[in-house]
């Protein structure tokens, strides 16, 4: 997924590490979280980001987006 690579590159630049280190650290965090929760094997970082994005896209709009039955609010 090209967009996932952009995410890794951006995080790596911000933290002055390599994209491979970002990926390794993300996998370690997922592995730890899934071991503690007894949910089975952890997903890959790419799978996790994809699942999280799908979940977030189905949730209600954020404060910057109008709800379907309400007018938009100003952020100023």
C-alpha atoms as a PDB file:
ATOM      1  CA  UNK A   1       0.000   0.000   0.000  1.00  0.00           C
ATOM      2  CA  UNK A   2       1.641   3.200  -1.209  1.00  0.00           C
ATOM      3  CA  UNK A   3      -0.211   5.381   1.325  1.00  0.00           C
ATOM      4  CA  UNK A   4       1.047   3.221   4.196  1.00  0.00           C
ATOM      5  CA  UNK A   5       4.620   3.740   3.026  1.00  0.00           C
ATOM      6  CA  UNK A   6       3.993   7.505   3.061  1.00  0.00           C
ATOM      7  CA  UNK A   7       2.800   7.208   6.663  1.00  0.00           C
ATOM      8  CA  UNK A   8       5.925   5.278   7.628  1.00  0.00           C
ATOM      9  CA  UNK A   9       8.156   7.794   5.846  1.00  0.00           C
ATOM     10  CA  UNK A  10       6.477  10.727   7.570  1.00  0.00           C
ATOM     11  CA  UNK A  11       6.776   9.192  11.040  1.00  0.00           C
ATOM     12  CA  UNK A  12      10.395   8.267  10.349  1.00  0.00           C
ATOM     13  CA  UNK A  13      11.281  11.806   9.277  1.00  0.00           C
ATOM     14  CA  UNK A  14       9.557  13.277  12.327  1.00  0.00           C
ATOM     15  CA  UNK A  15      11.435  11.001  14.714  1.00  0.00           C
ATOM     16  CA  UNK A  16      14.687  10.902  12.722  1.00  0.00           C
ATOM     17  CA  UNK A  17      14.692   7.134  12.360  1.00  0.00           C
ATOM     18  CA  UNK A  18      14.297   4.816   9.392  1.00  0.00           C
ATOM     19  CA  UNK A  19      10.937   3.605   8.089  1.00  0.00           C
ATOM     20  CA  UNK A  20      12.102   0.077   8.933  1.00  0.00           C
ATOM     21  CA  UNK A  21      12.556   1.106  12.575  1.00  0.00           C
ATOM     22  CA  UNK A  22       9.054   2.603  12.603  1.00  0.00           C
ATOM     23  CA  UNK A  23       7.635  -0.623  11.209  1.00  0.00           C
ATOM     24  CA  UNK A  24       9.576  -2.735  13.711  1.00  0.00           C
ATOM     25  CA  UNK A  25       8.445  -0.575  16.650  1.00  0.00           C
ATOM     26  CA  UNK A  26       4.824  -0.626  15.479  1.00  0.00           C
ATOM     27  CA  UNK A  27       4.897  -4.431  15.201  1.00  0.00           C
ATOM     28  CA  UNK A  28       6.441  -4.750  18.670  1.00  0.00           C
ATOM     29  CA  UNK A  29       3.709  -2.530  20.155  1.00  0.00           C
ATOM     30  CA  UNK A  30       0.977  -4.524  18.399  1.00  0.00           C
ATOM     31  CA  UNK A  31       2.498  -7.821  19.523  1.00  0.00           C
ATOM     32  CA  UNK A  32       2.620  -6.602  23.137  1.00  0.00           C
ATOM     33  CA  UNK A  33      -0.958  -5.337  23.024  1.00  0.00           C
ATOM     34  CA  UNK A  34      -2.328  -8.535  21.524  1.00  0.00           C
ATOM     35  CA  UNK A  35      -0.418 -10.759  23.963  1.00  0.00           C
ATOM     36  CA  UNK A  36      -1.907  -8.825  26.888  1.00  0.00           C
ATOM     37  CA  UNK A  37      -5.426  -9.060  25.467  1.00  0.00           C
ATOM     38  CA  UNK A  38      -5.377 -12.770  24.529  1.00  0.00           C
ATOM     39  CA  UNK A  39      -6.831 -11.869  21.119  1.00  0.00           C
ATOM     40  CA  UNK A  40      -4.640 -14.181  19.113  1.00  0.00           C
ATOM     41  CA  UNK A  41      -1.856 -13.183  16.759  1.00  0.00           C
ATOM     42  CA  UNK A  42      -1.345  -9.477  16.194  1.00  0.00           C
ATOM     43  CA  UNK A  43      -2.028  -8.000  12.760  1.00  0.00           C
ATOM     44  CA  UNK A  44       0.772  -6.420  10.790  1.00  0.00           C
ATOM     45  CA  UNK A  45       1.109  -2.654  11.205  1.00  0.00           C
ATOM     46  CA  UNK A  46      -0.310  -2.187   7.693  1.00  0.00           C
ATOM     47  CA  UNK A  47      -3.345  -4.362   8.492  1.00  0.00           C
ATOM     48  CA  UNK A  48      -3.889  -2.510  11.766  1.00  0.00           C
ATOM     49  CA  UNK A  49      -3.764   0.941  10.137  1.00  0.00           C
ATOM     50  CA  UNK A  50      -6.163  -0.202   7.404  1.00  0.00           C
ATOM     51  CA  UNK A  51      -8.611  -1.631   9.975  1.00  0.00           C
ATOM     52  CA  UNK A  52      -8.403   1.496  12.146  1.00  0.00           C
ATOM     53  CA  UNK A  53      -8.996   3.773   9.145  1.00  0.00           C
ATOM     54  CA  UNK A  54     -12.040   1.717   8.135  1.00  0.00           C
ATOM     55  CA  UNK A  55     -13.435   1.870  11.659  1.00  0.00           C
ATOM     56  CA  UNK A  56     -12.867   5.609  11.952  1.00  0.00           C
ATOM     57  CA  UNK A  57     -14.455   6.309   8.579  1.00  0.00           C
ATOM     58  CA  UNK A  58     -17.682   4.643   9.775  1.00  0.00           C
ATOM     59  CA  UNK A  59     -17.928   6.640  13.004  1.00  0.00           C
ATOM     60  CA  UNK A  60     -19.806   9.872  13.511  1.00  0.00           C
ATOM     61  CA  UNK A  61     -18.318  13.049  12.036  1.00  0.00           C
ATOM     62  CA  UNK A  62     -15.729  14.987  13.973  1.00  0.00           C
ATOM     63  CA  UNK A  63     -16.221  18.560  15.215  1.00  0.00           C
ATOM     64  CA  UNK A  64     -14.972  19.889  11.876  1.00  0.00           C
ATOM     65  CA  UNK A  65     -17.636  18.015   9.907  1.00  0.00           C
ATOM     66  CA  UNK A  66     -21.355  18.744  10.141  1.00  0.00           C
ATOM     67  CA  UNK A  67     -23.639  15.964  11.257  1.00  0.00           C
ATOM     68  CA  UNK A  68     -26.137  14.958   8.596  1.00  0.00           C
ATOM     69  CA  UNK A  69     -29.005  16.812  10.276  1.00  0.00           C
ATOM     70  CA  UNK A  70     -27.131  19.848  11.633  1.00  0.00           C
ATOM     71  CA  UNK A  71     -25.561  22.906   9.992  1.00  0.00           C
ATOM     72  CA  UNK A  72     -21.787  23.206  10.021  1.00  0.00           C
ATOM     73  CA  UNK A  73     -20.264  25.043  12.984  1.00  0.00           C
ATOM     74  CA  UNK A  74     -17.568  27.633  12.607  1.00  0.00           C
ATOM     75  CA  UNK A  75     -14.151  26.774  14.038  1.00  0.00           C
ATOM     76  CA  UNK A  76     -13.340  30.454  14.604  1.00  0.00           C
END
